[in-house]
N, C-alpha and C. Protein backbone atom coordinates (compact mmCIF):
# COMPACT_ATOMS: atom_id res chain seq x y z
N MET A 1 0.88 -1.16 -0.12
CA MET A 1 -0.02 -0.06 0.01
C MET A 1 0.88 1.20 -0.06
N ASN A 2 0.61 2.16 -0.94
CA ASN A 2 1.46 3.29 -1.00
C ASN A 2 0.75 4.57 -0.18
N ALA A 3 1.45 5.66 -0.20
CA ALA A 3 1.06 6.84 0.57
C ALA A 3 -0.20 7.32 0.03
N THR A 4 -0.47 7.29 -1.36
CA THR A 4 -1.69 7.78 -1.93
C THR A 4 -2.86 6.91 -1.32
N ASP A 5 -2.63 5.64 -1.23
CA ASP A 5 -3.89 4.86 -0.86
C ASP A 5 -4.15 4.99 0.61
N THR A 6 -3.12 5.25 1.42
CA THR A 6 -3.26 5.49 2.86
C THR A 6 -3.93 7.04 2.96
N ASN A 7 -3.61 7.90 2.26
CA ASN A 7 -4.24 9.15 2.33
C ASN A 7 -5.75 9.08 1.78
N LEU A 8 -6.08 8.25 0.88
CA LEU A 8 -7.51 8.14 0.48
C LEU A 8 -8.28 7.33 1.57
N ILE A 9 -7.67 6.39 2.35
CA ILE A 9 -8.26 5.71 3.44
C ILE A 9 -8.53 6.76 4.52
N ALA A 10 -7.46 7.45 4.86
CA ALA A 10 -7.68 8.57 5.92
C ALA A 10 -8.93 9.46 5.52
N GLU A 11 -8.80 9.89 4.24
CA GLU A 11 -10.06 10.77 3.81
C GLU A 11 -11.36 10.20 4.02
N ARG A 12 -11.50 8.90 3.62
CA ARG A 12 -12.80 8.23 3.91
C ARG A 12 -13.09 8.10 5.50
N ILE A 13 -12.13 7.76 6.15
CA ILE A 13 -12.50 7.72 7.59
C ILE A 13 -12.77 9.12 8.23
N CYS A 14 -12.07 10.10 7.87
CA CYS A 14 -12.30 11.44 8.33
C CYS A 14 -13.78 11.98 7.89
N LYS A 15 -14.08 11.59 6.63
CA LYS A 15 -15.44 11.90 6.13
C LYS A 15 -16.56 11.42 7.00
N LEU A 16 -16.36 10.10 7.32
CA LEU A 16 -17.35 9.34 8.21
C LEU A 16 -17.46 9.97 9.52
N ILE A 17 -16.24 10.36 10.06
CA ILE A 17 -16.25 10.95 11.44
C ILE A 17 -16.96 12.26 11.31
N GLY A 18 -16.67 13.12 10.30
CA GLY A 18 -17.42 14.28 10.22
C GLY A 18 -18.89 14.18 10.03
N GLU A 19 -19.40 13.19 9.43
CA GLU A 19 -20.78 12.92 9.20
C GLU A 19 -21.56 12.41 10.50
N GLN A 20 -20.70 11.72 11.30
CA GLN A 20 -21.35 10.93 12.54
C GLN A 20 -21.08 11.63 13.88
N TYR A 21 -20.07 12.48 13.91
CA TYR A 21 -19.62 13.13 15.22
C TYR A 21 -19.51 14.57 15.10
N SER A 22 -19.97 15.29 16.14
CA SER A 22 -20.00 16.72 16.19
C SER A 22 -18.57 17.36 15.99
N THR A 23 -17.67 16.63 16.62
CA THR A 23 -16.32 17.09 16.44
C THR A 23 -15.19 15.91 16.47
N ASP A 24 -14.04 16.02 16.13
CA ASP A 24 -12.98 15.16 16.05
C ASP A 24 -12.84 14.71 17.49
N ALA A 25 -12.77 15.55 18.55
CA ALA A 25 -12.61 15.16 19.89
C ALA A 25 -13.66 14.33 20.41
N ALA A 26 -14.88 14.48 19.93
CA ALA A 26 -16.01 13.47 20.24
C ALA A 26 -15.75 12.09 19.82
N PHE A 27 -15.26 11.96 18.49
CA PHE A 27 -14.96 10.59 18.17
C PHE A 27 -13.71 10.09 18.84
N GLU A 28 -12.65 10.91 19.09
CA GLU A 28 -11.49 10.42 19.90
C GLU A 28 -11.91 9.90 21.23
N ARG A 29 -12.83 10.60 21.89
CA ARG A 29 -13.39 10.11 23.12
C ARG A 29 -14.05 8.79 23.03
N ALA A 30 -14.93 8.71 21.96
CA ALA A 30 -15.74 7.45 21.79
C ALA A 30 -14.71 6.34 21.51
N ALA A 31 -13.72 6.54 20.59
CA ALA A 31 -12.76 5.47 20.27
C ALA A 31 -11.56 5.30 21.31
N ASP A 32 -11.55 6.16 22.33
CA ASP A 32 -10.50 6.03 23.39
C ASP A 32 -9.18 6.32 22.59
N LEU A 33 -9.15 7.35 21.89
CA LEU A 33 -7.88 7.84 21.13
C LEU A 33 -7.34 8.93 21.86
N PRO A 34 -6.11 9.17 21.85
CA PRO A 34 -5.39 10.40 22.40
C PRO A 34 -5.96 11.65 21.55
N PRO A 35 -5.95 12.90 22.25
CA PRO A 35 -6.30 14.08 21.65
C PRO A 35 -5.44 14.27 20.31
N LYS A 36 -6.03 15.00 19.40
CA LYS A 36 -5.29 15.45 18.16
C LYS A 36 -5.07 14.20 17.18
N THR A 37 -5.55 12.99 17.62
CA THR A 37 -5.12 11.79 16.66
C THR A 37 -5.89 12.03 15.32
N VAL A 38 -7.18 12.44 15.27
CA VAL A 38 -7.82 12.61 14.09
C VAL A 38 -7.19 13.78 13.21
N SER A 39 -6.74 14.85 13.96
CA SER A 39 -6.21 15.87 13.21
C SER A 39 -4.86 15.45 12.57
N ASN A 40 -4.18 14.54 13.20
CA ASN A 40 -2.95 14.01 12.57
C ASN A 40 -3.20 13.13 11.31
N TRP A 41 -4.31 12.47 11.38
CA TRP A 41 -4.79 11.71 10.20
C TRP A 41 -5.12 12.67 8.99
N ARG A 42 -5.86 13.70 9.36
CA ARG A 42 -6.27 14.64 8.38
C ARG A 42 -5.13 15.23 7.64
N ARG A 43 -4.05 15.60 8.49
CA ARG A 43 -2.95 16.22 7.86
C ARG A 43 -1.91 15.17 7.34
N GLY A 44 -2.19 13.94 7.33
CA GLY A 44 -1.21 12.97 6.79
C GLY A 44 -0.02 12.67 7.67
N ARG A 45 -0.11 13.12 8.92
CA ARG A 45 1.05 13.02 9.80
C ARG A 45 1.09 11.63 10.53
N SER A 46 -0.10 10.92 10.48
CA SER A 46 -0.09 9.59 11.09
C SER A 46 -1.11 8.68 10.36
N ALA A 47 -0.69 7.30 10.22
CA ALA A 47 -1.73 6.34 9.81
C ALA A 47 -1.94 5.42 10.83
N SER A 48 -2.06 5.85 12.03
CA SER A 48 -2.34 5.00 13.13
C SER A 48 -3.75 4.30 13.00
N PHE A 49 -4.55 4.81 12.08
CA PHE A 49 -5.86 4.26 12.02
C PHE A 49 -5.71 2.85 11.37
N MET A 50 -4.71 2.61 10.63
CA MET A 50 -4.54 1.34 10.09
C MET A 50 -4.46 0.09 11.09
N LYS A 51 -3.81 0.25 12.15
CA LYS A 51 -3.73 -0.74 13.10
C LYS A 51 -5.01 -1.15 13.81
N ASN A 52 -5.87 -0.19 13.95
CA ASN A 52 -7.24 -0.28 14.54
C ASN A 52 -8.50 -0.25 13.60
N LEU A 53 -8.14 -0.47 12.30
CA LEU A 53 -9.19 -0.28 11.40
C LEU A 53 -10.49 -1.02 11.66
N PRO A 54 -10.63 -2.38 11.96
CA PRO A 54 -11.83 -2.93 12.27
C PRO A 54 -12.61 -2.27 13.43
N ARG A 55 -11.98 -1.97 14.51
CA ARG A 55 -12.56 -1.31 15.66
C ARG A 55 -13.11 0.02 15.21
N LEU A 56 -12.37 0.76 14.52
CA LEU A 56 -12.89 2.09 14.15
C LEU A 56 -13.96 2.12 13.17
N CYS A 57 -13.97 1.11 12.28
CA CYS A 57 -15.09 0.94 11.40
C CYS A 57 -16.38 0.51 12.07
N ALA A 58 -16.13 -0.28 13.16
CA ALA A 58 -17.16 -0.67 13.95
C ALA A 58 -17.98 0.51 14.67
N LEU A 59 -17.09 1.42 15.15
CA LEU A 59 -17.66 2.71 15.68
C LEU A 59 -18.43 3.56 14.64
N LEU A 60 -17.75 3.44 13.39
CA LEU A 60 -18.39 4.27 12.37
C LEU A 60 -19.51 3.69 11.62
N GLY A 61 -19.80 2.32 11.99
CA GLY A 61 -20.90 1.77 11.14
C GLY A 61 -20.54 1.39 9.78
N THR A 62 -19.47 0.97 9.55
CA THR A 62 -18.87 0.77 8.12
C THR A 62 -18.15 -0.57 8.13
N ASP A 63 -17.90 -1.02 6.88
CA ASP A 63 -17.11 -2.20 6.83
C ASP A 63 -15.62 -1.78 6.39
N PRO A 64 -14.60 -2.48 7.03
CA PRO A 64 -13.20 -1.98 6.65
C PRO A 64 -13.10 -2.23 5.16
N GLU A 65 -13.53 -3.20 4.48
CA GLU A 65 -13.51 -3.35 3.02
C GLU A 65 -13.91 -2.10 2.26
N GLU A 66 -15.01 -1.47 2.63
CA GLU A 66 -15.44 -0.27 1.99
C GLU A 66 -14.58 0.93 2.20
N VAL A 67 -14.07 0.98 3.48
CA VAL A 67 -12.97 2.14 3.66
C VAL A 67 -11.73 1.81 3.01
N LEU A 68 -11.33 0.51 2.82
CA LEU A 68 -10.13 0.35 2.12
C LEU A 68 -10.22 0.52 0.67
N THR A 69 -11.36 0.19 0.03
CA THR A 69 -11.43 0.21 -1.34
C THR A 69 -12.25 1.47 -1.87
N GLY A 70 -13.03 2.05 -1.12
CA GLY A 70 -13.90 3.20 -1.62
C GLY A 70 -15.10 2.69 -2.21
N GLU A 71 -15.31 1.32 -2.36
CA GLU A 71 -16.38 0.64 -3.07
C GLU A 71 -17.38 0.07 -2.06
N PRO A 72 -18.80 0.33 -2.28
CA PRO A 72 -19.77 -0.33 -1.36
C PRO A 72 -19.40 -1.73 -1.17
N SER A 73 -19.48 -2.13 0.19
CA SER A 73 -19.26 -3.51 0.44
C SER A 73 -20.51 -4.43 0.29
N GLN A 74 -20.33 -5.66 0.06
CA GLN A 74 -21.40 -6.55 0.01
C GLN A 74 -22.08 -6.90 1.36
N ARG A 75 -21.25 -6.63 2.34
CA ARG A 75 -21.67 -6.73 3.75
C ARG A 75 -22.13 -5.44 4.25
N ARG A 76 -23.07 -5.56 5.20
CA ARG A 76 -23.45 -4.31 5.91
C ARG A 76 -22.89 -4.42 7.25
N ALA A 77 -22.06 -3.38 7.64
CA ALA A 77 -21.46 -3.42 9.01
C ALA A 77 -22.50 -3.09 10.04
N MET A 78 -22.23 -3.49 11.31
CA MET A 78 -23.28 -3.21 12.31
C MET A 78 -23.24 -1.69 12.61
N THR A 79 -24.25 -1.10 13.02
CA THR A 79 -24.16 0.29 13.50
C THR A 79 -23.79 0.19 14.96
N ARG A 80 -23.44 1.42 15.46
CA ARG A 80 -22.95 1.45 16.79
C ARG A 80 -23.97 1.05 17.78
N GLU A 81 -25.23 1.34 17.53
CA GLU A 81 -26.27 0.94 18.36
C GLU A 81 -26.56 -0.58 18.26
N GLU A 82 -26.26 -1.16 17.17
CA GLU A 82 -26.49 -2.69 17.15
C GLU A 82 -25.24 -3.37 17.93
N SER A 83 -24.09 -2.66 17.81
CA SER A 83 -23.01 -3.20 18.47
C SER A 83 -23.28 -3.08 20.04
N ILE A 84 -23.84 -2.01 20.50
CA ILE A 84 -24.18 -1.89 21.94
C ILE A 84 -25.11 -2.84 22.37
N LEU A 85 -26.18 -3.07 21.49
CA LEU A 85 -27.18 -4.22 21.93
C LEU A 85 -26.60 -5.59 22.02
N LEU A 86 -25.65 -5.82 21.07
CA LEU A 86 -25.08 -7.09 21.01
C LEU A 86 -24.11 -7.37 22.30
N GLU A 87 -23.42 -6.34 22.52
CA GLU A 87 -22.48 -6.33 23.70
C GLU A 87 -23.34 -6.34 25.03
N ALA A 88 -24.39 -5.82 25.09
CA ALA A 88 -25.18 -5.92 26.27
C ALA A 88 -25.81 -7.27 26.51
N PHE A 89 -26.19 -7.99 25.42
CA PHE A 89 -26.77 -9.29 25.39
C PHE A 89 -25.47 -10.28 25.88
N ARG A 90 -24.35 -10.07 25.13
CA ARG A 90 -23.23 -10.87 25.55
C ARG A 90 -22.68 -10.88 27.00
N ALA A 91 -22.87 -9.57 27.49
CA ALA A 91 -22.45 -9.40 28.94
C ALA A 91 -23.36 -10.28 29.86
N ALA A 92 -24.46 -10.70 29.32
CA ALA A 92 -25.44 -11.39 30.19
C ALA A 92 -25.12 -12.97 30.02
N ARG A 93 -23.96 -13.32 29.57
CA ARG A 93 -23.64 -14.77 29.32
C ARG A 93 -23.71 -15.65 30.62
N ASP A 94 -23.57 -14.99 31.75
CA ASP A 94 -23.55 -15.74 33.06
C ASP A 94 -25.04 -16.19 33.46
N LEU A 95 -25.97 -15.67 32.73
CA LEU A 95 -27.28 -16.03 32.99
C LEU A 95 -27.50 -17.44 32.53
N SER A 96 -28.51 -18.18 33.26
CA SER A 96 -28.92 -19.40 32.78
C SER A 96 -29.64 -19.35 31.34
N PRO A 97 -29.56 -20.52 30.63
CA PRO A 97 -30.18 -20.48 29.32
C PRO A 97 -31.71 -19.95 29.42
N ALA A 98 -32.38 -20.28 30.44
CA ALA A 98 -33.86 -19.76 30.61
C ALA A 98 -33.88 -18.18 30.61
N GLU A 99 -32.90 -17.72 31.54
CA GLU A 99 -32.80 -16.29 31.77
C GLU A 99 -32.37 -15.47 30.51
N ARG A 100 -31.52 -16.10 29.93
CA ARG A 100 -30.97 -15.54 28.51
C ARG A 100 -32.20 -15.58 27.49
N ALA A 101 -32.93 -16.59 27.52
CA ALA A 101 -34.09 -16.65 26.56
C ALA A 101 -35.08 -15.59 26.90
N SER A 102 -35.26 -15.49 28.10
CA SER A 102 -36.26 -14.45 28.65
C SER A 102 -35.93 -13.01 28.49
N LEU A 103 -34.50 -12.77 28.68
CA LEU A 103 -33.87 -11.51 28.22
C LEU A 103 -34.11 -11.24 26.76
N LEU A 104 -33.78 -12.26 25.88
CA LEU A 104 -33.97 -11.97 24.53
C LEU A 104 -35.43 -11.70 24.11
N GLN A 105 -36.44 -12.45 24.89
CA GLN A 105 -37.85 -12.09 24.36
C GLN A 105 -37.99 -10.82 24.79
N THR A 106 -37.62 -10.33 25.99
CA THR A 106 -38.08 -8.98 26.54
C THR A 106 -37.36 -7.92 25.59
N MET A 107 -36.15 -8.10 25.15
CA MET A 107 -35.51 -7.12 24.18
C MET A 107 -36.36 -7.12 22.86
N LEU A 108 -36.63 -8.28 22.39
CA LEU A 108 -37.57 -8.21 21.23
C LEU A 108 -38.85 -7.56 21.33
N SER A 109 -39.41 -7.86 22.46
CA SER A 109 -41.00 -7.21 22.84
C SER A 109 -40.68 -5.70 22.79
N VAL A 110 -39.69 -5.18 23.38
CA VAL A 110 -39.47 -3.70 23.48
C VAL A 110 -39.25 -3.17 22.06
N ILE A 111 -38.57 -3.91 21.30
CA ILE A 111 -38.26 -3.41 19.87
C ILE A 111 -39.61 -3.40 19.13
N ARG A 112 -40.34 -4.43 19.20
CA ARG A 112 -41.63 -4.56 18.67
C ARG A 112 -42.52 -3.42 19.00
N LEU A 113 -42.57 -3.27 20.27
CA LEU A 113 -43.44 -2.15 20.79
C LEU A 113 -43.22 -0.89 20.27
N CYS A 114 -41.77 -0.59 20.13
CA CYS A 114 -41.36 0.73 19.56
C CYS A 114 -41.67 0.90 18.06
N CYS A 115 -41.24 -0.24 17.45
CA CYS A 115 -41.19 0.07 15.87
C CYS A 115 -42.10 -1.10 15.04
N GLY A 116 -42.46 -2.08 15.77
CA GLY A 116 -43.21 -3.14 15.10
C GLY A 116 -42.34 -3.93 14.09
N GLY A 117 -41.07 -3.88 14.14
CA GLY A 117 -40.34 -4.38 13.09
C GLY A 117 -39.74 -5.78 13.19
N VAL A 118 -39.67 -6.30 14.40
CA VAL A 118 -38.87 -7.70 14.55
C VAL A 118 -39.96 -8.68 14.69
N ARG A 119 -39.85 -9.85 14.21
CA ARG A 119 -40.62 -10.89 14.30
C ARG A 119 -40.18 -12.10 15.12
């Protein structure tokens, strides 16, 4: 991968950050990154995003393939909200199978009540 490719990837990531976060600092806090990290990406001073690309893409609700190639991915990445729900459910792994089933049914009932979308 050459510098031009890396710069294009940085541009794609920074565009997503600008679309989804009010400031670079807000994204840095959400991603647990040091201050000025995104600024360094924007200026081409750092390509540290490459070592954490899957995690950053998860926060941005996109697929690493799409960020790397600039082409729409065949897969749809989980949104941040979907990731939060999944992590909450996974955190309940110490529950008994019956309790997990009950939790799942409760979550689905709330979603159905709110939007009528899940069967």
